[in-house]
Amino acid sequence: MKVAFQGEPGAYSEQAVFNYLGNVETLPCESFDAMFDSVVSGQSDMALAPIENSLAGSIHQNYDLLLRHDLHIVGEYFLRVQHCLIAMPGVKKEDIKKAISHPQALGQCAAYLRNLGIKPEQVYDTAGSVKMLKESGARDVAAIASKRAAEIYEMQILEEGIEDNSENFTRFLAVGREATVPEGEAKTSIVFSLKNLPGSLFKAMSVFALRDIDLTKIESRPLQGKPWEYLFYIDFIGSAQNETVQRALDHLGEYAVTLRVLGSYLRFKG
């Protein structure tokens, strides 16, 4: 199996692939668009796409890409993110004047860097920042990335676990060309749009409340081409094959202008 992820080898997304699926072949992709395209074209069998972070919130681009492509969510995985301060071999922490990394990683380590008087500088990727640092050979610069990135590029870890908040998790969605029928406790993701009428969202939510279906996530995104109208992405506990869930979706279809089931998959519990 070949699994696509966004970033350089050693990225947190690649670590999530190995943690979730074991020893599979990975395909690094420059962008989220390229990652989804690789699955559509058959270049990869699956992609693992980050969809939300417990500190930074949703990754909106991937919500849009889920809608744009005829693919299915087939699984989910939660990765505990632990940032490392990484430098050239032999460098000491007091030598560091600047840290480079992805903007989100820098933001998650902002207090740590401020306390050390280290200036943050944004680059395109966490693992990519380690690659850039090794190529430059700079001895007053550190990168913020994963432990695995340091190992891949044979760099020195000055300190592990430098994130300001230890409750730092990223949720990933596994995306493939074929839908799955999960065996066990399932979660389902859907997207729908509604007419802009009083009470329309309340009526849509009531189809789940009336059947005691547990909603775990709701996200609104702009409906392209229709200013101030929105799509609603919802995750809930249960499989689309379940009779109660089917009745809820049929009921929702009475109110929704559009409705699409993005996938049913096993719920990840750690």
C-alpha atoms as a PDB file:
ATOM      1  CA  MET A   1       0.000   0.000   0.000  1.00  0.00           C
ATOM      2  CA  LYS A   2       1.200   3.502  -0.865  1.00  0.00           C
ATOM      3  CA  VAL A   3      -0.067   6.360   1.323  1.00  0.00           C
ATOM      4  CA  ALA A   4       0.255  10.036   0.418  1.00  0.00           C
ATOM      5  CA  PHE A   5       0.919  12.818   2.916  1.00  0.00           C
ATOM      6  CA  GLN A   6       1.722  16.510   2.671  1.00  0.00           C
ATOM      7  CA  GLY A   7       5.261  17.531   3.544  1.00  0.00           C
ATOM      8  CA  GLU A   8       8.841  16.297   3.493  1.00  0.00           C
ATOM      9  CA  PRO A   9       9.963  12.896   4.837  1.00  0.00           C
ATOM     10  CA  GLY A  10       9.923  13.152   8.632  1.00  0.00           C
ATOM     11  CA  ALA A  11       6.830  15.375   8.725  1.00  0.00           C
ATOM     12  CA  TYR A  12       4.273  14.789  11.459  1.00  0.00           C
ATOM     13  CA  SER A  13       1.869  13.604   8.760  1.00  0.00           C
ATOM     14  CA  GLU A  14       4.278  10.851   7.752  1.00  0.00           C
ATOM     15  CA  GLN A  15       4.649   9.832  11.397  1.00  0.00           C
ATOM     16  CA  ALA A  16       0.860   9.604  11.593  1.00  0.00           C
ATOM     17  CA  VAL A  17       0.845   7.310   8.532  1.00  0.00           C
ATOM     18  CA  PHE A  18       3.287   4.879  10.159  1.00  0.00           C
ATOM     19  CA  ASN A  19       1.536   4.991  13.542  1.00  0.00           C
ATOM     20  CA  TYR A  20      -1.858   4.349  11.970  1.00  0.00           C
ATOM     21  CA  LEU A  21      -1.056   1.904   9.172  1.00  0.00           C
ATOM     22  CA  GLY A  22       2.309   0.382  10.109  1.00  0.00           C
ATOM     23  CA  ASN A  23       5.170  -0.214   7.685  1.00  0.00           C
ATOM     24  CA  VAL A  24       3.686   1.072   4.409  1.00  0.00           C
ATOM     25  CA  GLU A  25       5.210   2.951   1.481  1.00  0.00           C
ATOM     26  CA  THR A  26       4.727   6.708   1.746  1.00  0.00           C
ATOM     27  CA  LEU A  27       4.429   9.380  -0.939  1.00  0.00           C
ATOM     28  CA  PRO A  28       5.523  12.900   0.112  1.00  0.00           C
ATOM     29  CA  CYS A  29       3.453  15.620  -1.584  1.00  0.00           C
ATOM     30  CA  GLU A  30       4.260  19.306  -1.929  1.00  0.00           C
ATOM     31  CA  SER A  31       0.693  20.446  -1.234  1.00  0.00           C
ATOM     32  CA  PHE A  32      -2.677  19.210  -0.009  1.00  0.00           C
ATOM     33  CA  ASP A  33      -3.987  19.514  -3.589  1.00  0.00           C
ATOM     34  CA  ALA A  34      -1.226  17.227  -4.852  1.00  0.00           C
ATOM     35  CA  MET A  35      -1.946  14.776  -2.045  1.00  0.00           C
ATOM     36  CA  PHE A  36      -5.632  14.451  -2.992  1.00  0.00           C
ATOM     37  CA  ASP A  37      -4.785  14.323  -6.702  1.00  0.00           C
ATOM     38  CA  SER A  38      -2.434  11.388  -6.094  1.00  0.00           C
ATOM     39  CA  VAL A  39      -5.328   9.321  -4.734  1.00  0.00           C
ATOM     40  CA  VAL A  40      -7.679  10.287  -7.585  1.00  0.00           C
ATOM     41  CA  SER A  41      -5.057   9.379 -10.205  1.00  0.00           C
ATOM     42  CA  GLY A  42      -4.118   6.084  -8.557  1.00  0.00           C
ATOM     43  CA  GLN A  43      -0.572   7.212  -7.825  1.00  0.00           C
ATOM     44  CA  SER A  44      -1.334   6.430  -4.169  1.00  0.00           C
ATOM     45  CA  ASP A  45      -3.895   4.110  -2.596  1.00  0.00           C
ATOM     46  CA  MET A  46      -4.830   6.451   0.222  1.00  0.00           C
ATOM     47  CA  ALA A  47      -4.006   9.833   1.726  1.00  0.00           C
ATOM     48  CA  LEU A  48      -3.816  10.837   5.373  1.00  0.00           C
ATOM     49  CA  ALA A  49      -5.059  14.409   5.578  1.00  0.00           C
ATOM     50  CA  PRO A  50      -4.879  16.577   8.719  1.00  0.00           C
ATOM     51  CA  ILE A  51      -8.327  18.025   9.348  1.00  0.00           C
ATOM     52  CA  GLU A  52      -8.082  19.745  12.745  1.00  0.00           C
ATOM     53  CA  ASN A  53      -5.676  20.514  15.564  1.00  0.00           C
ATOM     54  CA  SER A  54      -6.738  20.661  19.211  1.00  0.00           C
ATOM     55  CA  LEU A  55      -4.996  24.045  19.639  1.00  0.00           C
ATOM     56  CA  ALA A  56      -5.107  25.706  16.204  1.00  0.00           C
ATOM     57  CA  GLY A  57      -8.528  24.510  15.025  1.00  0.00           C
ATOM     58  CA  SER A  58      -9.673  23.273  11.625  1.00  0.00           C
ATOM     59  CA  ILE A  59      -7.603  22.991   8.454  1.00  0.00           C
ATOM     60  CA  HIS A  60     -10.127  24.561   6.136  1.00  0.00           C
ATOM     61  CA  GLN A  61      -8.387  23.759   2.863  1.00  0.00           C
ATOM     62  CA  ASN A  62      -8.850  20.044   3.436  1.00  0.00           C
ATOM     63  CA  TYR A  63     -12.567  20.483   4.108  1.00  0.00           C
ATOM     64  CA  ASP A  64     -12.831  22.145   0.703  1.00  0.00           C
ATOM     65  CA  LEU A  65     -10.775  19.389  -0.958  1.00  0.00           C
ATOM     66  CA  LEU A  66     -12.996  16.682   0.526  1.00  0.00           C
ATOM     67  CA  LEU A  67     -15.947  18.264  -1.241  1.00  0.00           C
ATOM     68  CA  ARG A  68     -14.089  18.884  -4.504  1.00  0.00           C
ATOM     69  CA  HIS A  69     -13.010  15.260  -5.022  1.00  0.00           C
ATOM     70  CA  ASP A  70     -15.048  12.091  -5.422  1.00  0.00           C
ATOM     71  CA  LEU A  71     -13.260  10.313  -2.582  1.00  0.00           C
ATOM     72  CA  HIS A  72     -14.361   8.702   0.683  1.00  0.00           C
ATOM     73  CA  ILE A  73     -13.247   9.017   4.297  1.00  0.00           C
ATOM     74  CA  VAL A  74     -12.225   5.509   5.386  1.00  0.00           C
ATOM     75  CA  GLY A  75     -10.601   6.119   8.784  1.00  0.00           C
ATOM     76  CA  GLU A  76      -9.316   8.596  11.342  1.00  0.00           C
ATOM     77  CA  TYR A  77      -6.242   8.884  13.561  1.00  0.00           C
ATOM     78  CA  PHE A  78      -5.212  11.253  16.380  1.00  0.00           C
ATOM     79  CA  LEU A  79      -1.509  12.136  16.625  1.00  0.00           C
ATOM     80  CA  ARG A  80       0.029  13.609  19.783  1.00  0.00           C
ATOM     81  CA  VAL A  81       2.314  16.369  18.466  1.00  0.00           C
ATOM     82  CA  GLN A  82       5.634  16.793  20.295  1.00  0.00           C
ATOM     83  CA  HIS A  83       7.950  19.491  18.976  1.00  0.00           C
ATOM     84  CA  CYS A  84      11.742  19.322  19.205  1.00  0.00           C
ATOM     85  CA  LEU A  85      14.348  22.066  19.008  1.00  0.00           C
ATOM     86  CA  ILE A  86      16.800  20.764  16.399  1.00  0.00           C
ATOM     87  CA  ALA A  87      20.246  22.099  15.465  1.00  0.00           C
ATOM     88  CA  MET A  88      23.464  21.201  13.690  1.00  0.00           C
ATOM     89  CA  PRO A  89      25.642  18.640  15.566  1.00  0.00           C
ATOM     90  CA  GLY A  90      27.786  20.264  18.240  1.00  0.00           C
ATOM     91  CA  VAL A  91      25.672  23.406  18.568  1.00  0.00           C
ATOM     92  CA  LYS A  92      24.559  24.469  22.069  1.00  0.00           C
ATOM     93  CA  LYS A  93      21.159  25.894  22.948  1.00  0.00           C
ATOM     94  CA  GLU A  94      22.674  29.236  23.987  1.00  0.00           C
ATOM     95  CA  ASP A  95      24.102  29.610  20.440  1.00  0.00           C
ATOM     96  CA  ILE A  96      20.620  29.730  18.871  1.00  0.00           C
ATOM     97  CA  LYS A  97      19.351  33.149  17.757  1.00  0.00           C
ATOM     98  CA  LYS A  98      16.599  32.117  15.328  1.00  0.00           C
ATOM     99  CA  ALA A  99      14.171  29.194  14.927  1.00  0.00           C
ATOM    100  CA  ILE A 100      12.587  28.194  11.614  1.00  0.00           C
ATOM    101  CA  SER A 101       9.489  26.044  11.108  1.00  0.00           C
ATOM    102  CA  HIS A 102       5.927  25.919   9.817  1.00  0.00           C
ATOM    103  CA  PRO A 103       3.844  28.868  11.158  1.00  0.00           C
ATOM    104  CA  GLN A 104       1.601  26.558  13.198  1.00  0.00           C
ATOM    105  CA  ALA A 105       4.574  24.897  14.931  1.00  0.00           C
ATOM    106  CA  LEU A 106       6.113  28.293  15.719  1.00  0.00           C
ATOM    107  CA  GLY A 107       2.819  29.464  17.190  1.00  0.00           C
ATOM    108  CA  GLN A 108       2.586  26.366  19.373  1.00  0.00           C
ATOM    109  CA  CYS A 109       6.082  27.076  20.769  1.00  0.00           C
ATOM    110  CA  ALA A 110       5.780  30.879  20.967  1.00  0.00           C
ATOM    111  CA  ALA A 111       6.229  31.203  24.745  1.00  0.00           C
ATOM    112  CA  TYR A 112       9.176  28.802  24.772  1.00  0.00           C
ATOM    113  CA  LEU A 113      10.973  30.777  22.053  1.00  0.00           C
ATOM    114  CA  ARG A 114      10.166  34.119  23.698  1.00  0.00           C
ATOM    115  CA  ASN A 115      11.601  32.960  27.032  1.00  0.00           C
ATOM    116  CA  LEU A 116      14.859  32.018  25.320  1.00  0.00           C
ATOM    117  CA  GLY A 117      15.002  35.205  23.231  1.00  0.00           C
ATOM    118  CA  ILE A 118      14.885  33.196  19.976  1.00  0.00           C
ATOM    119  CA  LYS A 119      13.388  34.916  16.943  1.00  0.00           C
ATOM    120  CA  PRO A 120      10.830  32.824  14.966  1.00  0.00           C
ATOM    121  CA  GLU A 121      10.919  32.678  11.162  1.00  0.00           C
ATOM    122  CA  GLN A 122       8.258  30.950   9.058  1.00  0.00           C
ATOM    123  CA  VAL A 123       9.071  28.346   6.386  1.00  0.00           C
ATOM    124  CA  TYR A 124       6.883  25.936   4.412  1.00  0.00           C
ATOM    125  CA  ASP A 125       7.111  22.754   6.507  1.00  0.00           C
ATOM    126  CA  THR A 126       8.358  21.378   9.847  1.00  0.00           C
ATOM    127  CA  ALA A 127      10.493  18.568   8.400  1.00  0.00           C
ATOM    128  CA  GLY A 128      11.431  20.889   5.539  1.00  0.00           C
ATOM    129  CA  SER A 129      12.886  23.327   8.071  1.00  0.00           C
ATOM    130  CA  VAL A 130      15.309  20.614   9.252  1.00  0.00           C
ATOM    131  CA  LYS A 131      16.277  19.876   5.650  1.00  0.00           C
ATOM    132  CA  MET A 132      16.854  23.604   4.997  1.00  0.00           C
ATOM    133  CA  LEU A 133      18.944  23.949   8.156  1.00  0.00           C
ATOM    134  CA  LYS A 134      21.192  21.025   7.249  1.00  0.00           C
ATOM    135  CA  GLU A 135      21.710  22.409   3.740  1.00  0.00           C
ATOM    136  CA  SER A 136      22.603  25.859   5.100  1.00  0.00           C
ATOM    137  CA  GLY A 137      24.890  24.617   7.889  1.00  0.00           C
ATOM    138  CA  ALA A 138      23.906  27.612  10.045  1.00  0.00           C
ATOM    139  CA  ARG A 139      25.067  27.236  13.647  1.00  0.00           C
ATOM    140  CA  ASP A 140      22.960  30.020  15.170  1.00  0.00           C
ATOM    141  CA  VAL A 141      19.674  28.681  13.750  1.00  0.00           C
ATOM    142  CA  ALA A 142      17.448  25.853  14.998  1.00  0.00           C
ATOM    143  CA  ALA A 143      14.492  24.087  13.425  1.00  0.00           C
ATOM    144  CA  ILE A 144      11.286  23.007  15.159  1.00  0.00           C
ATOM    145  CA  ALA A 145      10.099  19.613  13.990  1.00  0.00           C
ATOM    146  CA  SER A 146       9.615  15.992  15.014  1.00  0.00           C
ATOM    147  CA  LYS A 147      12.154  13.644  16.564  1.00  0.00           C
ATOM    148  CA  ARG A 148      11.966  11.520  13.424  1.00  0.00           C
ATOM    149  CA  ALA A 149      12.877  14.493  11.225  1.00  0.00           C
ATOM    150  CA  ALA A 150      16.035  14.996  13.295  1.00  0.00           C
ATOM    151  CA  GLU A 151      16.914  11.321  12.884  1.00  0.00           C
ATOM    152  CA  ILE A 152      16.328  11.308   9.115  1.00  0.00           C
ATOM    153  CA  TYR A 153      18.592  14.323   8.530  1.00  0.00           C
ATOM    154  CA  GLU A 154      21.127  13.259  11.203  1.00  0.00           C
ATOM    155  CA  MET A 155      20.710  16.421  13.239  1.00  0.00           C
ATOM    156  CA  GLN A 156      20.990  17.121  16.966  1.00  0.00           C
ATOM    157  CA  ILE A 157      17.978  17.452  19.265  1.00  0.00           C
ATOM    158  CA  LEU A 158      18.629  20.223  21.791  1.00  0.00           C
ATOM    159  CA  GLU A 159      15.337  19.712  23.645  1.00  0.00           C
ATOM    160  CA  GLU A 160      12.173  17.630  23.236  1.00  0.00           C
ATOM    161  CA  GLY A 161       8.596  18.559  24.112  1.00  0.00           C
ATOM    162  CA  ILE A 162       9.018  22.313  23.699  1.00  0.00           C
ATOM    163  CA  GLU A 163       5.352  23.004  22.834  1.00  0.00           C
ATOM    164  CA  ASP A 164       3.637  25.453  25.190  1.00  0.00           C
ATOM    165  CA  ASN A 165       0.622  23.176  25.714  1.00  0.00           C
ATOM    166  CA  SER A 166       1.042  19.420  26.074  1.00  0.00           C
ATOM    167  CA  GLU A 167      -2.582  18.788  24.985  1.00  0.00           C
ATOM    168  CA  ASN A 168      -1.547  19.168  21.351  1.00  0.00           C
ATOM    169  CA  PHE A 169      -3.234  16.656  19.043  1.00  0.00           C
ATOM    170  CA  THR A 170      -3.887  16.608  15.312  1.00  0.00           C
ATOM    171  CA  ARG A 171      -6.796  14.634  13.887  1.00  0.00           C
ATOM    172  CA  PHE A 172      -6.161  13.001  10.516  1.00  0.00           C
ATOM    173  CA  LEU A 173      -8.663  11.543   8.051  1.00  0.00           C
ATOM    174  CA  ALA A 174      -7.746   8.597   5.844  1.00  0.00           C
ATOM    175  CA  VAL A 175      -9.138   9.204   2.353  1.00  0.00           C
ATOM    176  CA  GLY A 176      -9.504   6.556  -0.372  1.00  0.00           C
ATOM    177  CA  ARG A 177     -11.272   5.842  -3.637  1.00  0.00           C
ATOM    178  CA  GLU A 178     -13.680   3.209  -2.271  1.00  0.00           C
ATOM    179  CA  ALA A 179     -16.117   3.579   0.627  1.00  0.00           C
ATOM    180  CA  THR A 180     -15.873   1.230   3.613  1.00  0.00           C
ATOM    181  CA  VAL A 181     -18.468  -0.459   5.825  1.00  0.00           C
ATOM    182  CA  PRO A 182     -16.988  -0.234   9.344  1.00  0.00           C
ATOM    183  CA  GLU A 183     -17.344  -3.086  11.816  1.00  0.00           C
ATOM    184  CA  GLY A 184     -17.434  -1.713  15.353  1.00  0.00           C
ATOM    185  CA  GLU A 185     -18.179   1.750  16.740  1.00  0.00           C
ATOM    186  CA  ALA A 186     -18.388   3.991  13.704  1.00  0.00           C
ATOM    187  CA  LYS A 187     -18.311   7.665  12.923  1.00  0.00           C
ATOM    188  CA  THR A 188     -19.854   9.271   9.838  1.00  0.00           C
ATOM    189  CA  SER A 189     -18.999  12.563   8.129  1.00  0.00           C
ATOM    190  CA  ILE A 190     -21.500  14.424   5.939  1.00  0.00           C
ATOM    191  CA  VAL A 191     -21.747  17.790   4.201  1.00  0.00           C
ATOM    192  CA  PHE A 192     -24.963  19.609   3.312  1.00  0.00           C
ATOM    193  CA  SER A 193     -26.383  23.015   2.421  1.00  0.00           C
ATOM    194  CA  LEU A 194     -29.678  24.612   3.435  1.00  0.00           C
ATOM    195  CA  LYS A 195     -32.018  27.305   2.215  1.00  0.00           C
ATOM    196  CA  ASN A 196     -31.436  30.561   4.094  1.00  0.00           C
ATOM    197  CA  LEU A 197     -34.733  30.484   5.980  1.00  0.00           C
ATOM    198  CA  PRO A 198     -35.553  31.097   9.668  1.00  0.00           C
ATOM    199  CA  GLY A 199     -35.068  27.906  11.679  1.00  0.00           C
ATOM    200  CA  SER A 200     -33.515  25.881   8.847  1.00  0.00           C
ATOM    201  CA  LEU A 201     -30.353  24.960  10.778  1.00  0.00           C
ATOM    202  CA  PHE A 202     -32.406  24.172  13.895  1.00  0.00           C
ATOM    203  CA  LYS A 203     -34.596  21.781  11.869  1.00  0.00           C
ATOM    204  CA  ALA A 204     -31.491  20.139  10.351  1.00  0.00           C
ATOM    205  CA  MET A 205     -29.952  19.543  13.779  1.00  0.00           C
ATOM    206  CA  SER A 206     -33.224  18.233  15.186  1.00  0.00           C
ATOM    207  CA  VAL A 207     -33.145  15.152  12.928  1.00  0.00           C
ATOM    208  CA  PHE A 208     -30.171  13.937  14.979  1.00  0.00           C
ATOM    209  CA  ALA A 209     -31.429  15.083  18.392  1.00  0.00           C
ATOM    210  CA  LEU A 210     -34.774  13.314  17.910  1.00  0.00           C
ATOM    211  CA  ARG A 211     -32.897  10.024  17.413  1.00  0.00           C
ATOM    212  CA  ASP A 212     -30.253  10.530  20.137  1.00  0.00           C
ATOM    213  CA  ILE A 213     -27.440  10.605  17.562  1.00  0.00           C
ATOM    214  CA  ASP A 214     -24.304  12.124  19.078  1.00  0.00           C
ATOM    215  CA  LEU A 215     -22.806  14.985  17.012  1.00  0.00           C
ATOM    216  CA  THR A 216     -19.050  15.279  17.561  1.00  0.00           C
ATOM    217  CA  LYS A 217     -18.226  18.130  15.180  1.00  0.00           C
ATOM    218  CA  ILE A 218     -19.945  20.846  13.146  1.00  0.00           C
ATOM    219  CA  GLU A 219     -18.069  23.160  10.781  1.00  0.00           C
ATOM    220  CA  SER A 220     -19.414  25.761   8.356  1.00  0.00           C
ATOM    221  CA  ARG A 221     -17.606  26.752   5.162  1.00  0.00           C
ATOM    222  CA  PRO A 222     -18.522  29.385   2.540  1.00  0.00           C
ATOM    223  CA  LEU A 223     -20.461  28.036  -0.440  1.00  0.00           C
ATOM    224  CA  GLN A 224     -18.343  29.047  -3.425  1.00  0.00           C
ATOM    225  CA  GLY A 225     -20.162  31.204  -5.963  1.00  0.00           C
ATOM    226  CA  LYS A 226     -22.926  32.100  -3.484  1.00  0.00           C
ATOM    227  CA  PRO A 227     -21.805  34.880  -1.127  1.00  0.00           C
ATOM    228  CA  TRP A 228     -23.022  34.571   2.473  1.00  0.00           C
ATOM    229  CA  GLU A 229     -24.352  31.063   1.966  1.00  0.00           C
ATOM    230  CA  TYR A 230     -22.698  28.102   3.680  1.00  0.00           C
ATOM    231  CA  LEU A 231     -21.977  24.403   3.632  1.00  0.00           C
ATOM    232  CA  PHE A 232     -22.192  22.500   6.909  1.00  0.00           C
ATOM    233  CA  TYR A 233     -19.814  19.646   7.675  1.00  0.00           C
ATOM    234  CA  ILE A 234     -20.958  17.343  10.466  1.00  0.00           C
ATOM    235  CA  ASP A 235     -19.398  14.312  12.181  1.00  0.00           C
ATOM    236  CA  PHE A 236     -21.600  12.042  14.263  1.00  0.00           C
ATOM    237  CA  ILE A 237     -21.398   8.675  15.993  1.00  0.00           C
ATOM    238  CA  GLY A 238     -22.929   5.862  13.938  1.00  0.00           C
ATOM    239  CA  SER A 239     -22.639   4.273  10.509  1.00  0.00           C
ATOM    240  CA  ALA A 240     -24.583   5.385   7.433  1.00  0.00           C
ATOM    241  CA  GLN A 241     -25.608   1.717   7.090  1.00  0.00           C
ATOM    242  CA  ASN A 242     -27.389   1.848  10.468  1.00  0.00           C
ATOM    243  CA  GLU A 243     -31.185   2.000  10.149  1.00  0.00           C
ATOM    244  CA  THR A 244     -31.586   4.848  12.654  1.00  0.00           C
ATOM    245  CA  VAL A 245     -28.878   6.874  10.907  1.00  0.00           C
ATOM    246  CA  GLN A 246     -30.489   6.192   7.518  1.00  0.00           C
ATOM    247  CA  ARG A 247     -33.795   7.561   8.796  1.00  0.00           C
ATOM    248  CA  ALA A 248     -32.019  10.672  10.131  1.00  0.00           C
ATOM    249  CA  LEU A 249     -30.310  11.255   6.788  1.00  0.00           C
ATOM    250  CA  ASP A 250     -33.590  10.758   4.897  1.00  0.00           C
ATOM    251  CA  HIS A 251     -35.214  13.276   7.241  1.00  0.00           C
ATOM    252  CA  LEU A 252     -32.331  15.731   6.730  1.00  0.00           C
ATOM    253  CA  GLY A 253     -32.774  15.324   2.975  1.00  0.00           C
ATOM    254  CA  GLU A 254     -36.227  16.911   3.322  1.00  0.00           C
ATOM    255  CA  TYR A 255     -34.596  20.188   4.431  1.00  0.00           C
ATOM    256  CA  ALA A 256     -31.216  20.110   2.673  1.00  0.00           C
ATOM    257  CA  VAL A 257     -30.608  21.614  -0.757  1.00  0.00           C
ATOM    258  CA  THR A 258     -27.607  19.290  -1.154  1.00  0.00           C
ATOM    259  CA  LEU A 259     -26.483  16.357   1.000  1.00  0.00           C
ATOM    260  CA  ARG A 260     -23.441  14.099   0.630  1.00  0.00           C
ATOM    261  CA  VAL A 261     -22.124  11.348   2.872  1.00  0.00           C
ATOM    262  CA  LEU A 262     -18.327  11.713   2.894  1.00  0.00           C
ATOM    263  CA  GLY A 263     -17.790   8.354   4.578  1.00  0.00           C
ATOM    264  CA  SER A 264     -18.422   6.031   7.513  1.00  0.00           C
ATOM    265  CA  TYR A 265     -15.357   4.681   9.304  1.00  0.00           C
ATOM    266  CA  LEU A 266     -14.133   3.213  12.566  1.00  0.00           C
ATOM    267  CA  ARG A 267     -13.980   5.753  15.369  1.00  0.00           C
ATOM    268  CA  PHE A 268     -10.435   6.220  16.674  1.00  0.00           C
ATOM    269  CA  LYS A 269     -10.138   5.908  20.439  1.00  0.00           C
ATOM    270  CA  GLY A 270      -6.396   5.987  20.989  1.00  0.00           C
END
